Amino acid sequence: MTHRLALLAALLFAASAAPAASLDGAWQLQAGEFVDGAGQRVDYTEARLQGIKVLDGGTFAFTTTRDGKFWAGGAGGYEAVDGRYTETPRMASFALEGDGQYRFDYRLEGDTWTLERRDAQGRVVEREVWRRMPAAAANAHAH
């Protein structure tokens, strides 16, 4: 019976880890917006922002450019559980907010990953849409 309980526990752990593992890979920013320090909404396309994010086994790294020049970057750990994605940067080109964690609700629909971060009043203050990059394209960006 103990062997069966251990097997069941392993299967449950694997099932709970599956959502995070399904995010592993390289992602390219498609669209987004955020609320800046002055409370104004900034559209990523209008601001000419582009980004790449790579996730692997609980670790993430991203780089964002504006007009082809470095704009922001960061790396650290992440968790994705039950539609909640939390990034904990260990390195960043910007000052971290609050407790240094960024919490998002997320949806993964095929190769489209949508993130929304809300403030204490429940208002969306950041929204990003990412598209999974094919392995060949991700490798080309690495060289």
Protein backbone atom coordinates (compact mmCIF):
# COMPACT_ATOMS: atom_id res chain seq x y z
CA MET A 1 0.00 0.00 0.00
CA THR A 2 2.87 2.41 0.77
CA HIS A 3 4.23 1.89 -2.75
CA ARG A 4 0.83 2.84 -4.21
CA LEU A 5 0.65 5.99 -2.07
CA ALA A 6 4.14 7.00 -3.18
CA LEU A 7 3.16 6.41 -6.82
CA LEU A 8 -0.04 8.44 -6.36
CA ALA A 9 1.92 11.28 -4.71
CA ALA A 10 4.43 11.26 -7.59
CA LEU A 11 1.63 11.38 -10.17
CA LEU A 12 -0.11 14.24 -8.36
CA PHE A 13 3.16 16.17 -8.15
CA ALA A 14 3.81 15.62 -11.86
CA ALA A 15 0.30 16.77 -12.72
CA SER A 16 0.63 19.94 -10.63
CA ALA A 17 4.03 20.70 -12.18
CA ALA A 18 2.74 20.23 -15.75
CA PRO A 19 1.28 23.75 -16.18
CA ALA A 20 4.63 25.38 -15.38
CA ALA A 21 6.52 22.95 -17.59
CA SER A 22 4.19 23.77 -20.50
CA LEU A 23 5.46 27.37 -20.35
CA ASP A 24 9.09 26.30 -20.86
CA GLY A 25 10.54 27.65 -24.09
CA ALA A 26 11.24 30.90 -25.88
CA TRP A 27 8.51 33.53 -26.22
CA GLN A 28 8.24 36.64 -28.37
CA LEU A 29 6.22 39.65 -27.23
CA GLN A 30 3.23 40.28 -29.53
CA ALA A 31 1.35 43.08 -27.76
CA GLY A 32 0.83 44.66 -24.39
CA GLU A 33 0.31 47.70 -22.28
CA PHE A 34 1.17 48.98 -18.83
CA VAL A 35 0.26 51.87 -16.57
CA ASP A 36 3.27 54.15 -16.05
CA GLY A 37 4.24 56.07 -12.91
CA ALA A 38 2.01 58.99 -13.95
CA GLY A 39 -1.02 56.70 -14.27
CA GLN A 40 -1.01 56.83 -18.08
CA ARG A 41 -1.58 53.71 -20.16
CA VAL A 42 1.36 52.92 -22.46
CA ASP A 43 0.72 50.67 -25.46
CA TYR A 44 3.75 48.47 -26.30
CA THR A 45 3.21 48.76 -30.07
CA GLU A 46 2.94 52.57 -29.97
CA ALA A 47 6.04 52.68 -27.74
CA ARG A 48 7.85 50.41 -30.27
CA LEU A 49 8.68 47.82 -27.60
CA GLN A 50 9.78 44.30 -28.56
CA GLY A 51 10.76 41.48 -26.26
CA ILE A 52 11.98 37.93 -25.91
CA LYS A 53 11.45 35.83 -22.78
CA VAL A 54 12.91 32.39 -22.12
CA LEU A 55 11.55 30.06 -19.44
CA ASP A 56 13.16 26.81 -18.36
CA GLY A 57 12.42 24.73 -15.28
CA GLY A 58 11.43 27.58 -12.98
CA THR A 59 13.98 30.10 -14.30
CA PHE A 60 13.21 33.02 -16.63
CA ALA A 61 15.18 35.68 -18.48
CA PHE A 62 13.89 38.48 -20.69
CA THR A 63 15.18 41.36 -22.76
CA THR A 64 13.06 44.21 -24.08
CA THR A 65 14.15 46.68 -26.73
CA ARG A 66 12.72 50.00 -27.85
CA ASP A 67 13.48 50.99 -31.44
CA GLY A 68 16.04 48.16 -31.51
CA LYS A 69 17.98 49.46 -28.48
CA PHE A 70 18.10 47.88 -25.03
CA TRP A 71 15.24 49.10 -22.82
CA ALA A 72 14.92 46.59 -19.96
CA GLY A 73 15.97 43.14 -18.90
CA GLY A 74 15.79 40.77 -16.00
CA ALA A 75 16.22 37.19 -14.85
CA GLY A 76 15.24 35.09 -11.88
CA GLY A 77 12.79 32.44 -10.84
CA TYR A 78 9.14 31.84 -11.63
CA GLU A 79 6.21 29.72 -10.54
CA ALA A 80 3.08 28.95 -12.52
CA VAL A 81 0.24 27.31 -10.60
CA ASP A 82 -3.52 27.28 -11.22
CA GLY A 83 -3.53 30.20 -13.66
CA ARG A 84 -1.20 32.33 -11.51
CA TYR A 85 2.29 33.18 -12.74
CA THR A 86 4.78 34.79 -10.34
CA GLU A 87 8.18 36.13 -11.34
CA THR A 88 10.84 36.81 -8.73
CA PRO A 89 13.68 38.67 -10.45
CA ARG A 90 17.15 38.18 -9.00
CA MET A 91 18.70 40.55 -11.54
CA ALA A 92 16.96 43.46 -13.23
CA SER A 93 17.84 46.64 -15.08
CA PHE A 94 15.10 48.46 -13.15
CA ALA A 95 14.13 49.02 -9.52
CA LEU A 96 11.86 46.24 -8.27
CA GLU A 97 8.41 47.15 -7.01
CA GLY A 98 6.95 46.21 -3.61
CA ASP A 99 8.16 42.83 -2.38
CA GLY A 100 10.08 42.20 -5.60
CA GLN A 101 7.58 39.68 -6.95
CA TYR A 102 5.38 40.24 -9.98
CA ARG A 103 2.12 38.30 -9.86
CA PHE A 104 0.00 37.73 -12.94
CA ASP A 105 -3.12 35.85 -13.92
CA TYR A 106 -2.38 33.93 -17.09
CA ARG A 107 -3.99 31.96 -19.91
CA LEU A 108 -2.20 29.61 -22.24
CA GLU A 109 -4.12 28.99 -25.47
CA GLY A 110 -2.04 26.94 -27.88
CA ASP A 111 1.10 28.97 -28.51
CA THR A 112 -0.36 32.22 -27.12
CA TRP A 113 0.37 33.15 -23.50
CA THR A 114 -1.52 36.12 -22.04
CA LEU A 115 -0.53 37.70 -18.69
CA GLU A 116 -2.42 40.31 -16.65
CA ARG A 117 -1.12 42.00 -13.50
CA ARG A 118 -3.55 43.87 -11.25
CA ASP A 119 -3.17 46.50 -8.55
CA ALA A 120 -4.68 46.27 -5.05
CA GLN A 121 -8.01 47.60 -6.39
CA GLY A 122 -8.16 44.87 -9.04
CA ARG A 123 -7.40 47.17 -12.01
CA VAL A 124 -5.22 45.74 -14.76
CA VAL A 125 -1.89 47.63 -14.64
CA GLU A 126 0.01 45.42 -17.07
CA ARG A 127 -1.07 43.10 -19.86
CA GLU A 128 1.23 41.14 -22.16
CA VAL A 129 0.59 38.74 -25.02
CA TRP A 130 3.43 36.39 -25.93
CA ARG A 131 3.73 33.88 -28.79
CA ARG A 132 5.82 30.73 -28.41
CA MET A 133 8.77 30.80 -30.79
CA PRO A 134 9.52 27.69 -32.85
CA ALA A 135 12.76 26.02 -31.75
CA ALA A 136 14.57 26.98 -34.98
CA ALA A 137 13.67 30.68 -34.55
CA ALA A 138 14.68 30.65 -30.88
CA ASN A 139 18.06 29.12 -31.80
CA ALA A 140 18.60 31.76 -34.51
CA HIS A 141 18.08 34.55 -31.91
CA ALA A 142 20.70 32.91 -29.68
CA HIS A 143 23.47 33.28 -32.30
